[in-house]
């Protein structure tokens, strides 16, 4: 749930929210090449570090994780953030680019054991119920700049229809330097969650706005667009908005690229650019993000990971 207050800010140089449910299935599928710290999509075994060591992928590869961490205050979150978010923290180090959503009340706990050298600044040091922010943050081994946050043009629902207007949902942008002279534009987003007619209209219009923003900032450039889309290709009401984003920006879903057969609302999407070719080597739902005692997921969303290759043209 959750959405936007009256005037969502856009803040270049600094670094969405909700408690919308994710898919409960945890199947993993895709390519069977297992190099890098993601789980083998056939065996489920973890390849590389998942317990706090910094990710190291082969040259020309990039491990991307998107994860809605359900960081609303305890009692409001659909998860158990006081217990779960400290467990999430060290697990993020196994990925080279981490994009999180709903990073609200527990940002300090989330970053406590993160050793990735580059991170966004949170929306604010101390969120309040009047301004809990957008919940969008990023971490990685690669430096990034030109970071900005942009809220959707409007929202719907204060105490109904997923209460999207209790936060500032939107998207963030940054330009990541993978190697000397090799850049990648990366968008992290959280879409409107509600299922009321107004929410459906907002998602369609927001999708069009996102495509226009991508054209303005990233024309001809290679892209990663990832996050909590609240759009699933198998839901008829989501097809139009999802198609606007993918067709309008020329994106390929990493799941589709490897025929993963697991449609969910959290996506990693890519596009090659004039100077950089991207391809998907593997897609999966990482198995390690579970409570150490109960084995239950650490968020009301399951994370999605993709291993990409990049090659300058």
C-alpha atoms as a PDB file:
ATOM      1  CA  UNK A   1       0.000   0.000   0.000  1.00  0.00           C
ATOM      2  CA  UNK A   2       0.941   3.704   0.241  1.00  0.00           C
ATOM      3  CA  UNK A   3       1.539   6.545  -2.263  1.00  0.00           C
ATOM      4  CA  UNK A   4       2.207  10.292  -2.542  1.00  0.00           C
ATOM      5  CA  UNK A   5       1.684  13.481  -0.514  1.00  0.00           C
ATOM      6  CA  UNK A   6       0.834  16.697  -2.230  1.00  0.00           C
ATOM      7  CA  UNK A   7       4.188  17.679  -3.757  1.00  0.00           C
ATOM      8  CA  UNK A   8       6.722  14.864  -4.101  1.00  0.00           C
ATOM      9  CA  UNK A   9      10.225  16.302  -4.382  1.00  0.00           C
ATOM     10  CA  UNK A  10      12.843  15.681  -7.025  1.00  0.00           C
ATOM     11  CA  UNK A  11      16.265  15.937  -5.420  1.00  0.00           C
ATOM     12  CA  UNK A  12      19.261  15.515  -7.729  1.00  0.00           C
ATOM     13  CA  UNK A  13      22.432  14.310  -6.125  1.00  0.00           C
ATOM     14  CA  UNK A  14      20.856  12.593  -3.119  1.00  0.00           C
ATOM     15  CA  UNK A  15      19.528   9.571  -2.858  1.00  0.00           C
ATOM     16  CA  UNK A  16       8.171   3.815  -2.991  1.00  0.00           C
ATOM     17  CA  UNK A  17       6.589   2.671  -0.449  1.00  0.00           C
ATOM     18  CA  UNK A  18       3.833   0.343   0.541  1.00  0.00           C
ATOM     19  CA  UNK A  19       2.755  -2.879   2.020  1.00  0.00           C
ATOM     20  CA  UNK A  20       1.434  -4.397  -1.146  1.00  0.00           C
ATOM     21  CA  UNK A  21       1.682  -8.179  -1.151  1.00  0.00           C
ATOM     22  CA  UNK A  22       4.186 -10.010  -3.327  1.00  0.00           C
ATOM     23  CA  UNK A  23       3.822 -13.397  -4.876  1.00  0.00           C
ATOM     24  CA  UNK A  24       4.075 -16.222  -2.380  1.00  0.00           C
ATOM     25  CA  UNK A  25       5.662 -18.676  -4.789  1.00  0.00           C
ATOM     26  CA  UNK A  26       9.402 -19.173  -4.656  1.00  0.00           C
ATOM     27  CA  UNK A  27      10.221 -21.084  -7.801  1.00  0.00           C
ATOM     28  CA  UNK A  28      13.493 -20.349  -9.547  1.00  0.00           C
ATOM     29  CA  UNK A  29      14.229 -20.882 -13.161  1.00  0.00           C
ATOM     30  CA  UNK A  30      16.304 -19.625 -16.041  1.00  0.00           C
ATOM     31  CA  UNK A  31      19.734 -20.275 -17.437  1.00  0.00           C
ATOM     32  CA  UNK A  32      21.793 -22.957 -15.721  1.00  0.00           C
ATOM     33  CA  UNK A  33      25.167 -21.198 -15.822  1.00  0.00           C
ATOM     34  CA  UNK A  34      25.974 -20.766 -12.129  1.00  0.00           C
ATOM     35  CA  UNK A  35      28.957 -18.439 -12.029  1.00  0.00           C
ATOM     36  CA  UNK A  36      28.518 -15.705  -9.410  1.00  0.00           C
ATOM     37  CA  UNK A  37      26.833 -15.443  -6.001  1.00  0.00           C
ATOM     38  CA  UNK A  38      23.308 -16.344  -6.963  1.00  0.00           C
ATOM     39  CA  UNK A  39      21.636 -19.672  -6.481  1.00  0.00           C
ATOM     40  CA  UNK A  40      21.837 -22.263  -9.211  1.00  0.00           C
ATOM     41  CA  UNK A  41      18.425 -22.142 -10.841  1.00  0.00           C
ATOM     42  CA  UNK A  42      18.366 -25.910 -11.159  1.00  0.00           C
ATOM     43  CA  UNK A  43      19.628 -27.076  -7.778  1.00  0.00           C
ATOM     44  CA  UNK A  44      18.823 -24.109  -5.559  1.00  0.00           C
ATOM     45  CA  UNK A  45      22.317 -24.263  -4.087  1.00  0.00           C
ATOM     46  CA  UNK A  46      23.921 -20.925  -3.354  1.00  0.00           C
ATOM     47  CA  UNK A  47      26.861 -20.017  -5.547  1.00  0.00           C
ATOM     48  CA  UNK A  48      29.269 -17.522  -3.984  1.00  0.00           C
ATOM     49  CA  UNK A  49      28.826 -15.521  -0.813  1.00  0.00           C
ATOM     50  CA  UNK A  50      25.399 -15.019   0.733  1.00  0.00           C
ATOM     51  CA  UNK A  51      26.458 -14.412   4.337  1.00  0.00           C
ATOM     52  CA  UNK A  52      28.039 -10.994   4.240  1.00  0.00           C
ATOM     53  CA  UNK A  53      30.939 -11.249   1.803  1.00  0.00           C
ATOM     54  CA  UNK A  54      31.051  -8.654  -0.960  1.00  0.00           C
ATOM     55  CA  UNK A  55      29.932  -9.935  -4.351  1.00  0.00           C
ATOM     56  CA  UNK A  56      32.527 -10.545  -7.018  1.00  0.00           C
ATOM     57  CA  UNK A  57      31.241 -11.491 -10.457  1.00  0.00           C
ATOM     58  CA  UNK A  58      33.442 -12.243 -13.453  1.00  0.00           C
ATOM     59  CA  UNK A  59      34.439  -9.276 -15.630  1.00  0.00           C
ATOM     60  CA  UNK A  60      31.579  -8.131 -17.815  1.00  0.00           C
ATOM     61  CA  UNK A  61      28.882  -9.487 -15.511  1.00  0.00           C
ATOM     62  CA  UNK A  62      26.564  -7.763 -13.051  1.00  0.00           C
ATOM     63  CA  UNK A  63      24.458  -9.274 -10.257  1.00  0.00           C
ATOM     64  CA  UNK A  64      21.275  -7.249  -9.686  1.00  0.00           C
ATOM     65  CA  UNK A  65      18.829  -7.678  -6.808  1.00  0.00           C
ATOM     66  CA  UNK A  66      15.495  -5.918  -6.372  1.00  0.00           C
ATOM     67  CA  UNK A  67      13.755  -6.344  -3.031  1.00  0.00           C
ATOM     68  CA  UNK A  68      10.741  -4.771  -1.330  1.00  0.00           C
ATOM     69  CA  UNK A  69      11.898  -5.042   2.292  1.00  0.00           C
ATOM     70  CA  UNK A  70       8.540  -4.184   3.950  1.00  0.00           C
ATOM     71  CA  UNK A  71      10.040  -1.483   6.153  1.00  0.00           C
ATOM     72  CA  UNK A  72       6.927   0.140   7.540  1.00  0.00           C
ATOM     73  CA  UNK A  73       6.858   0.387  11.367  1.00  0.00           C
ATOM     74  CA  UNK A  74       6.313  -2.801  13.344  1.00  0.00           C
ATOM     75  CA  UNK A  75       2.575  -3.452  13.548  1.00  0.00           C
ATOM     76  CA  UNK A  76       1.893  -1.576  10.302  1.00  0.00           C
ATOM     77  CA  UNK A  77       4.173  -3.645   8.102  1.00  0.00           C
ATOM     78  CA  UNK A  78       2.843  -6.888   6.649  1.00  0.00           C
ATOM     79  CA  UNK A  79       6.145  -8.415   7.714  1.00  0.00           C
ATOM     80  CA  UNK A  80       8.164  -8.459  10.952  1.00  0.00           C
ATOM     81  CA  UNK A  81      10.737  -5.755  10.218  1.00  0.00           C
ATOM     82  CA  UNK A  82      12.277  -5.520  13.683  1.00  0.00           C
ATOM     83  CA  UNK A  83      13.331  -9.139  13.429  1.00  0.00           C
ATOM     84  CA  UNK A  84      13.731  -9.473   9.680  1.00  0.00           C
ATOM     85  CA  UNK A  85      15.530  -6.382   8.414  1.00  0.00           C
ATOM     86  CA  UNK A  86      18.701  -6.993  10.498  1.00  0.00           C
ATOM     87  CA  UNK A  87      18.804 -10.445   8.895  1.00  0.00           C
ATOM     88  CA  UNK A  88      18.397  -8.964   5.415  1.00  0.00           C
ATOM     89  CA  UNK A  89      21.353  -6.588   5.872  1.00  0.00           C
ATOM     90  CA  UNK A  90      24.333  -8.954   5.447  1.00  0.00           C
ATOM     91  CA  UNK A  91      22.642 -10.905   2.658  1.00  0.00           C
ATOM     92  CA  UNK A  92      22.680  -7.839   0.386  1.00  0.00           C
ATOM     93  CA  UNK A  93      26.468  -8.029   0.106  1.00  0.00           C
ATOM     94  CA  UNK A  94      26.229 -11.017  -2.239  1.00  0.00           C
ATOM     95  CA  UNK A  95      24.936  -8.744  -5.019  1.00  0.00           C
ATOM     96  CA  UNK A  96      26.727  -6.040  -6.983  1.00  0.00           C
ATOM     97  CA  UNK A  97      23.696  -3.798  -7.467  1.00  0.00           C
ATOM     98  CA  UNK A  98      20.887  -3.755  -4.907  1.00  0.00           C
ATOM     99  CA  UNK A  99      17.656  -1.795  -5.391  1.00  0.00           C
ATOM    100  CA  UNK A 100      15.270  -1.755  -2.433  1.00  0.00           C
ATOM    101  CA  UNK A 101      11.754  -0.486  -1.938  1.00  0.00           C
ATOM    102  CA  UNK A 102       9.873   0.289   1.308  1.00  0.00           C
ATOM    103  CA  UNK A 103      13.101   1.179   3.090  1.00  0.00           C
ATOM    104  CA  UNK A 104      11.353   3.463   5.585  1.00  0.00           C
ATOM    105  CA  UNK A 105      11.679   3.126   9.356  1.00  0.00           C
ATOM    106  CA  UNK A 106      14.573   0.672   9.524  1.00  0.00           C
ATOM    107  CA  UNK A 107      17.171   2.112   7.167  1.00  0.00           C
ATOM    108  CA  UNK A 108      19.852   2.088   9.877  1.00  0.00           C
ATOM    109  CA  UNK A 109      19.184  -1.579  10.582  1.00  0.00           C
ATOM    110  CA  UNK A 110      19.176  -2.356   6.864  1.00  0.00           C
ATOM    111  CA  UNK A 111      22.626  -0.853   6.255  1.00  0.00           C
ATOM    112  CA  UNK A 112      24.298  -1.993   9.487  1.00  0.00           C
ATOM    113  CA  UNK A 113      26.089  -4.953   7.898  1.00  0.00           C
ATOM    114  CA  UNK A 114      26.150  -3.781   4.285  1.00  0.00           C
ATOM    115  CA  UNK A 115      29.747  -3.621   3.032  1.00  0.00           C
ATOM    116  CA  UNK A 116      28.971  -2.503  -0.533  1.00  0.00           C
ATOM    117  CA  UNK A 117      30.955   0.725  -0.944  1.00  0.00           C
ATOM    118  CA  UNK A 118      28.376   2.911  -2.696  1.00  0.00           C
ATOM    119  CA  UNK A 119      24.951   3.768  -1.273  1.00  0.00           C
ATOM    120  CA  UNK A 120      22.212   6.334  -1.685  1.00  0.00           C
ATOM    121  CA  UNK A 121      21.311   8.728   1.080  1.00  0.00           C
ATOM    122  CA  UNK A 122      17.863   7.941   2.517  1.00  0.00           C
ATOM    123  CA  UNK A 123      14.932  10.281   1.995  1.00  0.00           C
ATOM    124  CA  UNK A 124      15.375  11.589   5.537  1.00  0.00           C
ATOM    125  CA  UNK A 125      17.288  10.628   8.658  1.00  0.00           C
ATOM    126  CA  UNK A 126      14.121  10.253  10.705  1.00  0.00           C
ATOM    127  CA  UNK A 127      10.861   9.539   8.833  1.00  0.00           C
ATOM    128  CA  UNK A 128       7.514  10.549  10.287  1.00  0.00           C
ATOM    129  CA  UNK A 129       3.981   9.459   9.535  1.00  0.00           C
ATOM    130  CA  UNK A 130       3.477  12.857   7.894  1.00  0.00           C
ATOM    131  CA  UNK A 131       6.419  12.244   5.547  1.00  0.00           C
ATOM    132  CA  UNK A 132       7.685   8.675   5.399  1.00  0.00           C
ATOM    133  CA  UNK A 133       9.384   9.236   2.048  1.00  0.00           C
ATOM    134  CA  UNK A 134       9.584   7.043  -1.041  1.00  0.00           C
ATOM    135  CA  UNK A 135      11.426   4.061   0.448  1.00  0.00           C
ATOM    136  CA  UNK A 136      13.722   3.799  -2.589  1.00  0.00           C
ATOM    137  CA  UNK A 137      17.408   3.201  -1.952  1.00  0.00           C
ATOM    138  CA  UNK A 138      20.313   1.540  -3.716  1.00  0.00           C
ATOM    139  CA  UNK A 139      23.646  -0.028  -2.837  1.00  0.00           C
ATOM    140  CA  UNK A 140      26.444  -1.404  -4.992  1.00  0.00           C
ATOM    141  CA  UNK A 141      30.073  -2.029  -5.761  1.00  0.00           C
ATOM    142  CA  UNK A 142      29.997   0.437  -8.661  1.00  0.00           C
ATOM    143  CA  UNK A 143      29.906   4.231  -8.196  1.00  0.00           C
ATOM    144  CA  UNK A 144      26.882   6.151  -9.367  1.00  0.00           C
ATOM    145  CA  UNK A 145      25.969   9.791  -9.782  1.00  0.00           C
ATOM    146  CA  UNK A 146      23.226  12.164 -10.923  1.00  0.00           C
ATOM    147  CA  UNK A 147      20.896  10.530  -8.429  1.00  0.00           C
ATOM    148  CA  UNK A 148      17.391  11.951  -8.257  1.00  0.00           C
ATOM    149  CA  UNK A 149      13.997  10.970  -6.893  1.00  0.00           C
ATOM    150  CA  UNK A 150      10.719  11.676  -8.691  1.00  0.00           C
ATOM    151  CA  UNK A 151       7.217  11.066  -7.320  1.00  0.00           C
ATOM    152  CA  UNK A 152       4.330   9.921  -9.479  1.00  0.00           C
ATOM    153  CA  UNK A 153       2.070  12.688 -10.690  1.00  0.00           C
ATOM    154  CA  UNK A 154      -0.686  11.741  -8.227  1.00  0.00           C
ATOM    155  CA  UNK A 155      -1.914   8.921  -5.995  1.00  0.00           C
ATOM    156  CA  UNK A 156      -5.170   7.434  -4.734  1.00  0.00           C
ATOM    157  CA  UNK A 157      -6.220   6.151  -1.334  1.00  0.00           C
ATOM    158  CA  UNK A 158      -5.550   7.321   2.219  1.00  0.00           C
ATOM    159  CA  UNK A 159      -7.306   4.606   4.233  1.00  0.00           C
ATOM    160  CA  UNK A 160      -8.589   2.453   1.386  1.00  0.00           C
ATOM    161  CA  UNK A 161      -7.460   1.087  -1.991  1.00  0.00           C
ATOM    162  CA  UNK A 162      -4.060   0.078  -0.517  1.00  0.00           C
ATOM    163  CA  UNK A 163      -3.541   3.536   1.057  1.00  0.00           C
ATOM    164  CA  UNK A 164      -1.075   4.600  -1.627  1.00  0.00           C
ATOM    165  CA  UNK A 165      -1.179   8.261  -0.603  1.00  0.00           C
ATOM    166  CA  UNK A 166       0.478   7.629   2.754  1.00  0.00           C
ATOM    167  CA  UNK A 167       3.917   7.711   1.113  1.00  0.00           C
ATOM    168  CA  UNK A 168       5.642   9.250  -1.882  1.00  0.00           C
ATOM    169  CA  UNK A 169       5.748   6.442  -4.383  1.00  0.00           C
ATOM    170  CA  UNK A 170       7.704   7.059  -7.536  1.00  0.00           C
ATOM    171  CA  UNK A 171      11.063   6.253  -9.065  1.00  0.00           C
ATOM    172  CA  UNK A 172      14.701   7.115  -8.628  1.00  0.00           C
ATOM    173  CA  UNK A 173      17.410   7.446 -11.253  1.00  0.00           C
ATOM    174  CA  UNK A 174      21.184   7.215 -11.201  1.00  0.00           C
ATOM    175  CA  UNK A 175      23.943   6.712 -13.756  1.00  0.00           C
ATOM    176  CA  UNK A 176      26.229   3.857 -12.719  1.00  0.00           C
ATOM    177  CA  UNK A 177      29.827   3.493 -13.891  1.00  0.00           C
ATOM    178  CA  UNK A 178      30.551  -0.198 -14.464  1.00  0.00           C
ATOM    179  CA  UNK A 179      34.076   0.264 -15.820  1.00  0.00           C
ATOM    180  CA  UNK A 180      36.071   3.207 -17.091  1.00  0.00           C
ATOM    181  CA  UNK A 181      33.941   4.774 -19.819  1.00  0.00           C
ATOM    182  CA  UNK A 182      31.169   2.180 -19.388  1.00  0.00           C
ATOM    183  CA  UNK A 183      27.928   3.606 -17.974  1.00  0.00           C
ATOM    184  CA  UNK A 184      24.504   2.168 -17.229  1.00  0.00           C
ATOM    185  CA  UNK A 185      21.332   4.131 -16.423  1.00  0.00           C
ATOM    186  CA  UNK A 186      19.443   2.512 -13.547  1.00  0.00           C
ATOM    187  CA  UNK A 187      15.852   3.205 -12.493  1.00  0.00           C
ATOM    188  CA  UNK A 188      14.399   1.934  -9.206  1.00  0.00           C
ATOM    189  CA  UNK A 189      10.612   2.210  -8.935  1.00  0.00           C
ATOM    190  CA  UNK A 190       7.558   1.466  -6.828  1.00  0.00           C
ATOM    191  CA  UNK A 191       4.181   1.674  -8.559  1.00  0.00           C
ATOM    192  CA  UNK A 192       0.710   2.393  -7.142  1.00  0.00           C
ATOM    193  CA  UNK A 193      -0.573  -0.749  -5.388  1.00  0.00           C
ATOM    194  CA  UNK A 194      -4.360  -0.385  -5.096  1.00  0.00           C
ATOM    195  CA  UNK A 195      -6.917  -2.254  -7.139  1.00  0.00           C
ATOM    196  CA  UNK A 196      -9.591   0.449  -7.345  1.00  0.00           C
ATOM    197  CA  UNK A 197     -10.471   1.959 -10.764  1.00  0.00           C
ATOM    198  CA  UNK A 198      -8.589   5.132  -9.871  1.00  0.00           C
ATOM    199  CA  UNK A 199      -5.444   3.118  -9.150  1.00  0.00           C
ATOM    200  CA  UNK A 200      -5.621   1.368 -12.509  1.00  0.00           C
ATOM    201  CA  UNK A 201      -5.860   4.705 -14.302  1.00  0.00           C
ATOM    202  CA  UNK A 202      -2.963   6.141 -12.301  1.00  0.00           C
ATOM    203  CA  UNK A 203      -0.742   3.173 -13.126  1.00  0.00           C
ATOM    204  CA  UNK A 204      -1.422   3.592 -16.851  1.00  0.00           C
ATOM    205  CA  UNK A 205      -0.681   7.326 -16.756  1.00  0.00           C
ATOM    206  CA  UNK A 206       2.353   6.797 -14.516  1.00  0.00           C
ATOM    207  CA  UNK A 207       3.687   4.210 -16.957  1.00  0.00           C
ATOM    208  CA  UNK A 208       3.464   6.771 -19.750  1.00  0.00           C
ATOM    209  CA  UNK A 209       5.219   9.373 -17.584  1.00  0.00           C
ATOM    210  CA  UNK A 210       8.007   6.916 -16.812  1.00  0.00           C
ATOM    211  CA  UNK A 211       8.563   6.169 -20.492  1.00  0.00           C
ATOM    212  CA  UNK A 212       8.774   9.895 -21.230  1.00  0.00           C
ATOM    213  CA  UNK A 213      11.266  10.369 -18.389  1.00  0.00           C
ATOM    214  CA  UNK A 214      13.404   7.527 -19.705  1.00  0.00           C
ATOM    215  CA  UNK A 215      13.371   9.043 -23.187  1.00  0.00           C
ATOM    216  CA  UNK A 216      14.430  12.410 -21.748  1.00  0.00           C
ATOM    217  CA  UNK A 217      17.248  11.119 -19.544  1.00  0.00           C
ATOM    218  CA  UNK A 218      18.365   7.951 -21.269  1.00  0.00           C
ATOM    219  CA  UNK A 219      17.745   8.160 -25.006  1.00  0.00           C
ATOM    220  CA  UNK A 220      20.013   5.645 -26.709  1.00  0.00           C
ATOM    221  CA  UNK A 221      21.505   4.490 -23.403  1.00  0.00           C
ATOM    222  CA  UNK A 222      21.613   1.036 -21.824  1.00  0.00           C
ATOM    223  CA  UNK A 223      19.120   0.600 -18.981  1.00  0.00           C
ATOM    224  CA  UNK A 224      18.168  -1.424 -15.964  1.00  0.00           C
ATOM    225  CA  UNK A 225      14.645  -0.674 -14.745  1.00  0.00           C
ATOM    226  CA  UNK A 226      13.763  -2.661 -11.640  1.00  0.00           C
ATOM    227  CA  UNK A 227      11.587  -2.595  -8.559  1.00  0.00           C
ATOM    228  CA  UNK A 228       8.094  -3.273  -7.289  1.00  0.00           C
ATOM    229  CA  UNK A 229       5.984  -2.626 -10.388  1.00  0.00           C
ATOM    230  CA  UNK A 230       2.758  -3.911  -8.815  1.00  0.00           C
ATOM    231  CA  UNK A 231       2.119  -5.233 -12.331  1.00  0.00           C
ATOM    232  CA  UNK A 232       1.957  -8.883 -13.326  1.00  0.00           C
ATOM    233  CA  UNK A 233       1.849 -10.017 -16.945  1.00  0.00           C
ATOM    234  CA  UNK A 234      -0.750 -12.674 -16.117  1.00  0.00           C
ATOM    235  CA  UNK A 235      -3.220 -10.160 -14.606  1.00  0.00           C
ATOM    236  CA  UNK A 236      -5.475  -8.744 -17.355  1.00  0.00           C
ATOM    237  CA  UNK A 237      -5.838  -5.392 -15.598  1.00  0.00           C
ATOM    238  CA  UNK A 238      -2.049  -4.969 -15.565  1.00  0.00           C
ATOM    239  CA  UNK A 239      -1.325  -5.794 -19.197  1.00  0.00           C
ATOM    240  CA  UNK A 240      -1.804  -2.283 -20.581  1.00  0.00           C
ATOM    241  CA  UNK A 241       0.429  -0.471 -18.092  1.00  0.00           C
ATOM    242  CA  UNK A 242       3.096  -3.149 -18.273  1.00  0.00           C
ATOM    243  CA  UNK A 243       3.041  -3.019 -22.061  1.00  0.00           C
ATOM    244  CA  UNK A 244       3.408   0.764 -22.057  1.00  0.00           C
ATOM    245  CA  UNK A 245       6.590   0.507 -19.977  1.00  0.00           C
ATOM    246  CA  UNK A 246       8.160  -2.400 -21.815  1.00  0.00           C
ATOM    247  CA  UNK A 247       7.240  -1.387 -25.362  1.00  0.00           C
ATOM    248  CA  UNK A 248       7.640   2.335 -24.816  1.00  0.00           C
ATOM    249  CA  UNK A 249      11.132   2.050 -23.325  1.00  0.00           C
ATOM    250  CA  UNK A 250      12.188  -1.000 -25.340  1.00  0.00           C
ATOM    251  CA  UNK A 251      12.683  -3.157 -22.247  1.00  0.00           C
ATOM    252  CA  UNK A 252      13.006  -6.916 -21.871  1.00  0.00           C
ATOM    253  CA  UNK A 253      11.983  -8.598 -18.615  1.00  0.00           C
ATOM    254  CA  UNK A 254      14.849 -10.744 -17.316  1.00  0.00           C
ATOM    255  CA  UNK A 255      12.353 -13.465 -16.441  1.00  0.00           C
ATOM    256  CA  UNK A 256      11.054 -13.579 -20.010  1.00  0.00           C
ATOM    257  CA  UNK A 257      14.572 -13.534 -21.438  1.00  0.00           C
ATOM    258  CA  UNK A 258      15.357 -16.918 -19.878  1.00  0.00           C
ATOM    259  CA  UNK A 259      11.769 -18.286 -20.044  1.00  0.00           C
ATOM    260  CA  UNK A 260      11.598 -18.508 -16.251  1.00  0.00           C
ATOM    261  CA  UNK A 261       7.854 -19.178 -16.254  1.00  0.00           C
ATOM    262  CA  UNK A 262       7.387 -17.317 -12.955  1.00  0.00           C
ATOM    263  CA  UNK A 263       5.394 -14.114 -13.375  1.00  0.00           C
ATOM    264  CA  UNK A 264       5.354 -11.777 -10.385  1.00  0.00           C
ATOM    265  CA  UNK A 265       5.018  -8.064  -9.610  1.00  0.00           C
ATOM    266  CA  UNK A 266       8.718  -7.463  -8.880  1.00  0.00           C
ATOM    267  CA  UNK A 267      10.777  -7.144 -12.048  1.00  0.00           C
ATOM    268  CA  UNK A 268      14.283  -6.624 -13.389  1.00  0.00           C
ATOM    269  CA  UNK A 269      14.123  -5.263 -16.935  1.00  0.00           C
ATOM    270  CA  UNK A 270      16.957  -4.356 -19.278  1.00  0.00           C
ATOM    271  CA  UNK A 271      17.695  -2.580 -22.549  1.00  0.00           C
ATOM    272  CA  UNK A 272      20.903  -2.410 -24.558  1.00  0.00           C
ATOM    273  CA  UNK A 273      22.148   1.004 -25.660  1.00  0.00           C
ATOM    274  CA  UNK A 274      24.124   2.494 -28.506  1.00  0.00           C
ATOM    275  CA  UNK A 275      27.388   1.948 -26.622  1.00  0.00           C
ATOM    276  CA  UNK A 276      26.616  -1.018 -24.371  1.00  0.00           C
ATOM    277  CA  UNK A 277      25.017  -4.399 -25.001  1.00  0.00           C
ATOM    278  CA  UNK A 278      23.175  -6.083 -22.121  1.00  0.00           C
ATOM    279  CA  UNK A 279      21.924  -9.643 -21.924  1.00  0.00           C
ATOM    280  CA  UNK A 280      20.395 -11.861 -19.246  1.00  0.00           C
ATOM    281  CA  UNK A 281      22.356 -14.909 -18.108  1.00  0.00           C
ATOM    282  CA  UNK A 282      20.139 -15.952 -15.219  1.00  0.00           C
ATOM    283  CA  UNK A 283      16.990 -15.013 -13.308  1.00  0.00           C
ATOM    284  CA  UNK A 284      15.905 -16.363  -9.946  1.00  0.00           C
ATOM    285  CA  UNK A 285      14.203 -15.896  -6.607  1.00  0.00           C
ATOM    286  CA  UNK A 286      17.167 -16.150  -4.194  1.00  0.00           C
ATOM    287  CA  UNK A 287      16.507 -18.793  -1.533  1.00  0.00           C
ATOM    288  CA  UNK A 288      18.596 -17.297   1.271  1.00  0.00           C
ATOM    289  CA  UNK A 289      16.254 -14.453   2.321  1.00  0.00           C
ATOM    290  CA  UNK A 290      14.451 -16.425   5.031  1.00  0.00           C
ATOM    291  CA  UNK A 291      14.343 -16.240   8.813  1.00  0.00           C
ATOM    292  CA  UNK A 292      17.140 -18.202  10.423  1.00  0.00           C
ATOM    293  CA  UNK A 293      14.801 -19.963  12.843  1.00  0.00           C
ATOM    294  CA  UNK A 294      11.408 -20.287  11.165  1.00  0.00           C
ATOM    295  CA  UNK A 295      12.493 -20.446   7.544  1.00  0.00           C
ATOM    296  CA  UNK A 296       9.772 -17.911   6.693  1.00  0.00           C
ATOM    297  CA  UNK A 297      10.473 -15.162   4.118  1.00  0.00           C
ATOM    298  CA  UNK A 298      12.054 -11.999   5.501  1.00  0.00           C
ATOM    299  CA  UNK A 299       9.550  -9.730   3.707  1.00  0.00           C
ATOM    300  CA  UNK A 300       6.028  -9.897   2.324  1.00  0.00           C
ATOM    301  CA  UNK A 301       7.727  -9.849  -1.101  1.00  0.00           C
ATOM    302  CA  UNK A 302      10.249 -12.344  -2.351  1.00  0.00           C
ATOM    303  CA  UNK A 303      13.420 -10.807  -3.819  1.00  0.00           C
ATOM    304  CA  UNK A 304      14.213 -11.131  -7.507  1.00  0.00           C
ATOM    305  CA  UNK A 305      17.772 -11.432  -8.804  1.00  0.00           C
ATOM    306  CA  UNK A 306      19.230 -11.351 -12.301  1.00  0.00           C
ATOM    307  CA  UNK A 307      22.740 -11.994 -13.527  1.00  0.00           C
ATOM    308  CA  UNK A 308      23.491  -9.825 -16.524  1.00  0.00           C
ATOM    309  CA  UNK A 309      26.345  -9.626 -18.976  1.00  0.00           C
ATOM    310  CA  UNK A 310      27.494  -6.326 -20.451  1.00  0.00           C
ATOM    311  CA  UNK A 311      29.733  -5.679 -23.417  1.00  0.00           C
ATOM    312  CA  UNK A 312      30.759  -2.283 -24.795  1.00  0.00           C
ATOM    313  CA  UNK A 313      29.910  -1.974 -28.475  1.00  0.00           C
END
